[in-house]
Amino acid sequence: ETDAFIRTVGFNRISAATLEMYESEYP
């Protein structure tokens, strides 16, 4: 249930989007 909550909130998606932003904006 904890994993389901975290994936619903989207910590993993937010982290992936942040990484993409670093790749393009903050090398």
PDB file of all heavy atoms in Angstrom:
ATOM      1  N   GLU A   1       0.827  -1.209   0.000  1.00  0.00           N
ATOM      2  CA  GLU A   1       0.000   0.000   0.000  1.00  0.00           C
ATOM      3  C   GLU A   1       0.864   1.264   0.000  1.00  0.00           C
ATOM      4  O   GLU A   1       0.511   2.263  -0.633  1.00  0.00           O
ATOM      5  CB  GLU A   1      -0.936   0.000   1.202  1.00  0.00           C
ATOM      6  CG  GLU A   1      -2.040  -1.047   1.121  1.00  0.00           C
ATOM      7  CD  GLU A   1      -3.041  -0.905   2.246  1.00  0.00           C
ATOM      8  OE1 GLU A   1      -2.930   0.075   3.027  1.00  0.00           O
ATOM      9  OE2 GLU A   1      -3.927  -1.760   2.358  1.00  0.00           O
ATOM     10  N   THR A   2       1.977   1.217   0.706  1.00  0.00           N
ATOM     11  CA  THR A   2       2.891   2.365   0.712  1.00  0.00           C
ATOM     12  C   THR A   2       3.434   2.614  -0.688  1.00  0.00           C
ATOM     13  O   THR A   2       3.478   3.758  -1.156  1.00  0.00           O
ATOM     14  CB  THR A   2       4.046   2.118   1.688  1.00  0.00           C
ATOM     15  OG1 THR A   2       3.528   1.925   3.000  1.00  0.00           O
ATOM     16  CG2 THR A   2       5.011   3.297   1.697  1.00  0.00           C
ATOM     17  N   ASP A   3       3.846   1.547  -1.369  1.00  0.00           N
ATOM     18  CA  ASP A   3       4.341   1.692  -2.735  1.00  0.00           C
ATOM     19  C   ASP A   3       3.260   2.244  -3.659  1.00  0.00           C
ATOM     20  O   ASP A   3       3.535   3.093  -4.520  1.00  0.00           O
ATOM     21  CB  ASP A   3       4.826   0.340  -3.262  1.00  0.00           C
ATOM     22  CG  ASP A   3       6.163  -0.077  -2.667  1.00  0.00           C
ATOM     23  OD1 ASP A   3       6.858   0.793  -2.123  1.00  0.00           O
ATOM     24  OD2 ASP A   3       6.509  -1.268  -2.754  1.00  0.00           O
ATOM     25  N   ALA A   4       2.035   1.763  -3.483  1.00  0.00           N
ATOM     26  CA  ALA A   4       0.935   2.248  -4.318  1.00  0.00           C
ATOM     27  C   ALA A   4       0.700   3.743  -4.095  1.00  0.00           C
ATOM     28  O   ALA A   4       0.474   4.499  -5.050  1.00  0.00           O
ATOM     29  CB  ALA A   4      -0.336   1.458  -4.015  1.00  0.00           C
ATOM     30  N   PHE A   5       0.786   4.185  -2.843  1.00  0.00           N
ATOM     31  CA  PHE A   5       0.609   5.607  -2.538  1.00  0.00           C
ATOM     32  C   PHE A   5       1.710   6.429  -3.186  1.00  0.00           C
ATOM     33  O   PHE A   5       1.441   7.470  -3.817  1.00  0.00           O
ATOM     34  CB  PHE A   5       0.619   5.812  -1.023  1.00  0.00           C
ATOM     35  CG  PHE A   5       0.668   7.263  -0.613  1.00  0.00           C
ATOM     36  CD1 PHE A   5      -0.477   8.035  -0.644  1.00  0.00           C
ATOM     37  CD2 PHE A   5       1.860   7.847  -0.217  1.00  0.00           C
ATOM     38  CE1 PHE A   5      -0.447   9.381  -0.287  1.00  0.00           C
ATOM     39  CE2 PHE A   5       1.908   9.185   0.141  1.00  0.00           C
ATOM     40  CZ  PHE A   5       0.754   9.955   0.105  1.00  0.00           C
ATOM     41  N   ILE A   6       2.951   5.992  -3.047  1.00  0.00           N
ATOM     42  CA  ILE A   6       4.089   6.740  -3.595  1.00  0.00           C
ATOM     43  C   ILE A   6       3.982   6.842  -5.110  1.00  0.00           C
ATOM     44  O   ILE A   6       4.233   7.899  -5.703  1.00  0.00           O
ATOM     45  CB  ILE A   6       5.407   6.070  -3.177  1.00  0.00           C
ATOM     46  CG1 ILE A   6       5.638   6.278  -1.675  1.00  0.00           C
ATOM     47  CG2 ILE A   6       6.585   6.611  -3.972  1.00  0.00           C
ATOM     48  CD1 ILE A   6       6.790   5.491  -1.113  1.00  0.00           C
ATOM     49  N   ARG A   7       3.579   5.775  -5.752  1.00  0.00           N
ATOM     50  CA  ARG A   7       3.465   5.807  -7.210  1.00  0.00           C
ATOM     51  C   ARG A   7       2.261   6.628  -7.660  1.00  0.00           C
ATOM     52  O   ARG A   7       2.286   7.237  -8.731  1.00  0.00           O
ATOM     53  CB  ARG A   7       3.376   4.381  -7.752  1.00  0.00           C
ATOM     54  CG  ARG A   7       4.655   3.585  -7.533  1.00  0.00           C
ATOM     55  CD  ARG A   7       4.655   2.294  -8.301  1.00  0.00           C
ATOM     56  NE  ARG A   7       5.852   1.509  -8.030  1.00  0.00           N
ATOM     57  CZ  ARG A   7       6.290   0.525  -8.811  1.00  0.00           C
ATOM     58  NH1 ARG A   7       5.613   0.205  -9.895  1.00  0.00           N
ATOM     59  NH2 ARG A   7       7.381  -0.131  -8.494  1.00  0.00           N
ATOM     60  N   THR A   8       1.225   6.641  -6.842  1.00  0.00           N
ATOM     61  CA  THR A   8       0.063   7.464  -7.170  1.00  0.00           C
ATOM     62  C   THR A   8       0.415   8.944  -7.062  1.00  0.00           C
ATOM     63  O   THR A   8       0.080   9.750  -7.940  1.00  0.00           O
ATOM     64  CB  THR A   8      -1.117   7.136  -6.229  1.00  0.00           C
ATOM     65  OG1 THR A   8      -1.467   5.757  -6.377  1.00  0.00           O
ATOM     66  CG2 THR A   8      -2.323   7.988  -6.566  1.00  0.00           C
ATOM     67  N   VAL A   9       1.093   9.317  -5.976  1.00  0.00           N
ATOM     68  CA  VAL A   9       1.545  10.698  -5.819  1.00  0.00           C
ATOM     69  C   VAL A   9       2.542  11.051  -6.919  1.00  0.00           C
ATOM     70  O   VAL A   9       2.544  12.164  -7.444  1.00  0.00           O
ATOM     71  CB  VAL A   9       2.173  10.901  -4.425  1.00  0.00           C
ATOM     72  CG1 VAL A   9       2.803  12.280  -4.310  1.00  0.00           C
ATOM     73  CG2 VAL A   9       1.109  10.720  -3.343  1.00  0.00           C
ATOM     74  N   GLY A  10       3.390  10.102  -7.275  1.00  0.00           N
ATOM     75  CA  GLY A  10       4.281  10.299  -8.407  1.00  0.00           C
ATOM     76  C   GLY A  10       5.682  10.742  -8.066  1.00  0.00           C
ATOM     77  O   GLY A  10       6.309  11.463  -8.851  1.00  0.00           O
ATOM     78  N   PHE A  11       6.210  10.316  -6.911  1.00  0.00           N
ATOM     79  CA  PHE A  11       7.588  10.675  -6.576  1.00  0.00           C
ATOM     80  C   PHE A  11       8.538  10.234  -7.686  1.00  0.00           C
ATOM     81  O   PHE A  11       9.483  10.947  -8.031  1.00  0.00           O
ATOM     82  CB  PHE A  11       8.013  10.015  -5.260  1.00  0.00           C
ATOM     83  CG  PHE A  11       7.294  10.540  -4.051  1.00  0.00           C
ATOM     84  CD1 PHE A  11       7.300   9.829  -2.855  1.00  0.00           C
ATOM     85  CD2 PHE A  11       6.617  11.745  -4.084  1.00  0.00           C
ATOM     86  CE1 PHE A  11       6.644  10.309  -1.732  1.00  0.00           C
ATOM     87  CE2 PHE A  11       5.960  12.233  -2.978  1.00  0.00           C
ATOM     88  CZ  PHE A  11       5.969  11.509  -1.787  1.00  0.00           C
ATOM     89  N   ASN A  12       8.315   9.042  -8.217  1.00  0.00           N
ATOM     90  CA  ASN A  12       9.199   8.523  -9.259  1.00  0.00           C
ATOM     91  C   ASN A  12       9.109   9.362 -10.539  1.00  0.00           C
ATOM     92  O   ASN A  12      10.117   9.637 -11.188  1.00  0.00           O
ATOM     93  CB  ASN A  12       8.872   7.055  -9.543  1.00  0.00           C
ATOM     94  CG  ASN A  12       7.389   6.817  -9.815  1.00  0.00           C
ATOM     95  OD1 ASN A  12       6.531   7.576  -9.371  1.00  0.00           O
ATOM     96  ND2 ASN A  12       7.076   5.751 -10.535  1.00  0.00           N
ATOM     97  N   ARG A  13       7.898   9.808 -10.894  1.00  0.00           N
ATOM     98  CA  ARG A  13       7.729  10.627 -12.108  1.00  0.00           C
ATOM     99  C   ARG A  13       8.322  12.026 -11.918  1.00  0.00           C
ATOM    100  O   ARG A  13       8.929  12.580 -12.841  1.00  0.00           O
ATOM    101  CB  ARG A  13       6.244  10.705 -12.480  1.00  0.00           C
ATOM    102  CG  ARG A  13       5.645   9.361 -12.851  1.00  0.00           C
ATOM    103  CD  ARG A  13       4.229   9.513 -13.375  1.00  0.00           C
ATOM    104  NE  ARG A  13       3.311  10.039 -12.372  1.00  0.00           N
ATOM    105  CZ  ARG A  13       2.699   9.306 -11.455  1.00  0.00           C
ATOM    106  NH1 ARG A  13       2.926   8.002 -11.383  1.00  0.00           N
ATOM    107  NH2 ARG A  13       1.844   9.856 -10.599  1.00  0.00           N
ATOM    108  N   ILE A  14       8.126  12.579 -10.726  1.00  0.00           N
ATOM    109  CA  ILE A  14       8.704  13.900 -10.425  1.00  0.00           C
ATOM    110  C   ILE A  14      10.229  13.834 -10.504  1.00  0.00           C
ATOM    111  O   ILE A  14      10.886  14.728 -11.056  1.00  0.00           O
ATOM    112  CB  ILE A  14       8.258  14.373  -9.041  1.00  0.00           C
ATOM    113  CG1 ILE A  14       6.745  14.628  -9.022  1.00  0.00           C
ATOM    114  CG2 ILE A  14       9.012  15.636  -8.628  1.00  0.00           C
ATOM    115  CD1 ILE A  14       6.184  14.882  -7.646  1.00  0.00           C
ATOM    116  N   SER A  15      10.796  12.765  -9.966  1.00  0.00           N
ATOM    117  CA  SER A  15      12.252  12.600  -9.986  1.00  0.00           C
ATOM    118  C   SER A  15      12.765  12.479 -11.412  1.00  0.00           C
ATOM    119  O   SER A  15      13.787  13.085 -11.772  1.00  0.00           O
ATOM    120  CB  SER A  15      12.651  11.359  -9.181  1.00  0.00           C
ATOM    121  OG  SER A  15      12.191  11.452  -7.850  1.00  0.00           O
ATOM    122  N   ALA A  16      12.057  11.711 -12.235  1.00  0.00           N
ATOM    123  CA  ALA A  16      12.472  11.548 -13.630  1.00  0.00           C
ATOM    124  C   ALA A  16      12.391  12.877 -14.379  1.00  0.00           C
ATOM    125  O   ALA A  16      13.285  13.212 -15.176  1.00  0.00           O
ATOM    126  CB  ALA A  16      11.607  10.493 -14.311  1.00  0.00           C
ATOM    127  N   ALA A  17      11.345  13.655 -14.121  1.00  0.00           N
ATOM    128  CA  ALA A  17      11.211  14.961 -14.771  1.00  0.00           C
ATOM    129  C   ALA A  17      12.306  15.914 -14.321  1.00  0.00           C
ATOM    130  O   ALA A  17      12.831  16.704 -15.121  1.00  0.00           O
ATOM    131  CB  ALA A  17       9.824  15.543 -14.466  1.00  0.00           C
ATOM    132  N   THR A  18      12.660  15.847 -13.042  1.00  0.00           N
ATOM    133  CA  THR A  18      13.741  16.702 -12.525  1.00  0.00           C
ATOM    134  C   THR A  18      15.061  16.338 -13.179  1.00  0.00           C
ATOM    135  O   THR A  18      15.859  17.216 -13.533  1.00  0.00           O
ATOM    136  CB  THR A  18      13.848  16.557 -11.000  1.00  0.00           C
ATOM    137  OG1 THR A  18      12.593  16.897 -10.398  1.00  0.00           O
ATOM    138  CG2 THR A  18      14.930  17.462 -10.441  1.00  0.00           C
ATOM    139  N   LEU A  19      15.303  15.048 -13.342  1.00  0.00           N
ATOM    140  CA  LEU A  19      16.529  14.605 -13.997  1.00  0.00           C
ATOM    141  C   LEU A  19      16.581  15.119 -15.431  1.00  0.00           C
ATOM    142  O   LEU A  19      17.641  15.586 -15.898  1.00  0.00           O
ATOM    143  CB  LEU A  19      16.617  13.079 -13.971  1.00  0.00           C
ATOM    144  CG  LEU A  19      17.837  12.465 -14.653  1.00  0.00           C
ATOM    145  CD1 LEU A  19      19.126  12.969 -14.015  1.00  0.00           C
ATOM    146  CD2 LEU A  19      17.774  10.939 -14.600  1.00  0.00           C
ATOM    147  N   GLU A  20      15.478  15.062 -16.145  1.00  0.00           N
ATOM    148  CA  GLU A  20      15.434  15.588 -17.511  1.00  0.00           C
ATOM    149  C   GLU A  20      15.741  17.084 -17.535  1.00  0.00           C
ATOM    150  O   GLU A  20      16.424  17.583 -18.441  1.00  0.00           O
ATOM    151  CB  GLU A  20      14.062  15.315 -18.123  1.00  0.00           C
ATOM    152  CG  GLU A  20      13.796  13.849 -18.430  1.00  0.00           C
ATOM    153  CD  GLU A  20      12.439  13.640 -19.075  1.00  0.00           C
ATOM    154  OE1 GLU A  20      11.758  14.651 -19.366  1.00  0.00           O
ATOM    155  OE2 GLU A  20      12.063  12.476 -19.293  1.00  0.00           O
ATOM    156  N   MET A  21      15.228  17.795 -16.531  1.00  0.00           N
ATOM    157  CA  MET A  21      15.487  19.233 -16.455  1.00  0.00           C
ATOM    158  C   MET A  21      16.972  19.494 -16.219  1.00  0.00           C
ATOM    159  O   MET A  21      17.569  20.391 -16.836  1.00  0.00           O
ATOM    160  CB  MET A  21      14.647  19.842 -15.329  1.00  0.00           C
ATOM    161  CG  MET A  21      14.776  21.348 -15.186  1.00  0.00           C
ATOM    162  SD  MET A  21      16.049  21.838 -13.996  1.00  0.00           S
ATOM    163  CE  MET A  21      15.305  21.279 -12.468  1.00  0.00           C
ATOM    164  N   TYR A  22      17.594  18.710 -15.339  1.00  0.00           N
ATOM    165  CA  TYR A  22      19.034  18.857 -15.112  1.00  0.00           C
ATOM    166  C   TYR A  22      19.812  18.589 -16.398  1.00  0.00           C
ATOM    167  O   TYR A  22      20.782  19.286 -16.705  1.00  0.00           O
ATOM    168  CB  TYR A  22      19.495  17.893 -14.026  1.00  0.00           C
ATOM    169  CG  TYR A  22      19.240  18.357 -12.609  1.00  0.00           C
ATOM    170  CD1 TYR A  22      18.596  19.559 -12.355  1.00  0.00           C
ATOM    171  CD2 TYR A  22      19.643  17.582 -11.520  1.00  0.00           C
ATOM    172  CE1 TYR A  22      18.355  19.980 -11.052  1.00  0.00           C
ATOM    173  CE2 TYR A  22      19.410  17.998 -10.212  1.00  0.00           C
ATOM    174  CZ  TYR A  22      18.760  19.198  -9.993  1.00  0.00           C
ATOM    175  OH  TYR A  22      18.531  19.615  -8.706  1.00  0.00           O
ATOM    176  N   GLU A  23      19.403  17.570 -17.128  1.00  0.00           N
ATOM    177  CA  GLU A  23      20.115  17.207 -18.360  1.00  0.00           C
ATOM    178  C   GLU A  23      20.084  18.346 -19.378  1.00  0.00           C
ATOM    179  O   GLU A  23      21.071  18.559 -20.097  1.00  0.00           O
ATOM    180  CB  GLU A  23      19.492  15.941 -18.956  1.00  0.00           C
ATOM    181  CG  GLU A  23      19.752  14.691 -18.130  1.00  0.00           C
ATOM    182  CD  GLU A  23      18.962  13.494 -18.622  1.00  0.00           C
ATOM    183  OE1 GLU A  23      17.988  13.669 -19.386  1.00  0.00           O
ATOM    184  OE2 GLU A  23      19.308  12.359 -18.230  1.00  0.00           O
ATOM    185  N   SER A  24      18.982  19.068 -19.437  1.00  0.00           N
ATOM    186  CA  SER A  24      18.863  20.122 -20.439  1.00  0.00           C
ATOM    187  C   SER A  24      19.274  21.506 -19.939  1.00  0.00           C
ATOM    188  O   SER A  24      19.794  22.324 -20.702  1.00  0.00           O
ATOM    189  CB  SER A  24      17.421  20.191 -20.952  1.00  0.00           C
ATOM    190  OG  SER A  24      16.528  20.494 -19.892  1.00  0.00           O
ATOM    191  N   GLU A  25      19.047  21.769 -18.634  1.00  0.00           N
ATOM    192  CA  GLU A  25      19.253  23.117 -18.112  1.00  0.00           C
ATOM    193  C   GLU A  25      20.475  23.262 -17.210  1.00  0.00           C
ATOM    194  O   GLU A  25      21.056  24.334 -17.120  1.00  0.00           O
ATOM    195  CB  GLU A  25      18.010  23.564 -17.330  1.00  0.00           C
ATOM    196  CG  GLU A  25      16.728  23.543 -18.138  1.00  0.00           C
ATOM    197  CD  GLU A  25      16.718  24.563 -19.259  1.00  0.00           C
ATOM    198  OE1 GLU A  25      17.433  25.580 -19.128  1.00  0.00           O
ATOM    199  OE2 GLU A  25      16.002  24.351 -20.251  1.00  0.00           O
ATOM    200  N   TYR A  26      20.845  22.210 -16.501  1.00  0.00           N
ATOM    201  CA  TYR A  26      21.923  22.306 -15.512  1.00  0.00           C
ATOM    202  C   TYR A  26      22.914  21.147 -15.670  1.00  0.00           C
ATOM    203  O   TYR A  26      23.036  20.294 -14.793  1.00  0.00           O
ATOM    204  CB  TYR A  26      21.349  22.312 -14.096  1.00  0.00           C
ATOM    205  CG  TYR A  26      20.415  23.462 -13.825  1.00  0.00           C
ATOM    206  CD1 TYR A  26      19.035  23.266 -13.810  1.00  0.00           C
ATOM    207  CD2 TYR A  26      20.899  24.748 -13.588  1.00  0.00           C
ATOM    208  CE1 TYR A  26      18.170  24.324 -13.577  1.00  0.00           C
ATOM    209  CE2 TYR A  26      20.045  25.811 -13.359  1.00  0.00           C
ATOM    210  CZ  TYR A  26      18.674  25.590 -13.351  1.00  0.00           C
ATOM    211  OH  TYR A  26      17.831  26.631 -13.125  1.00  0.00           O
ATOM    212  N   PRO A  27      23.626  21.100 -16.786  1.00  0.00           N
ATOM    213  CA  PRO A  27      24.582  20.009 -16.991  1.00  0.00           C
ATOM    214  C   PRO A  27      25.671  19.971 -15.927  1.00  0.00           C
ATOM    215  O   PRO A  27      26.201  18.904 -15.614  1.00  0.00           O
ATOM    216  CB  PRO A  27      25.157  20.295 -18.384  1.00  0.00           C
ATOM    217  CG  PRO A  27      24.887  21.752 -18.621  1.00  0.00           C
ATOM    218  CD  PRO A  27      23.606  22.046 -17.914  1.00  0.00           C
TER     219      PRO A  27
END
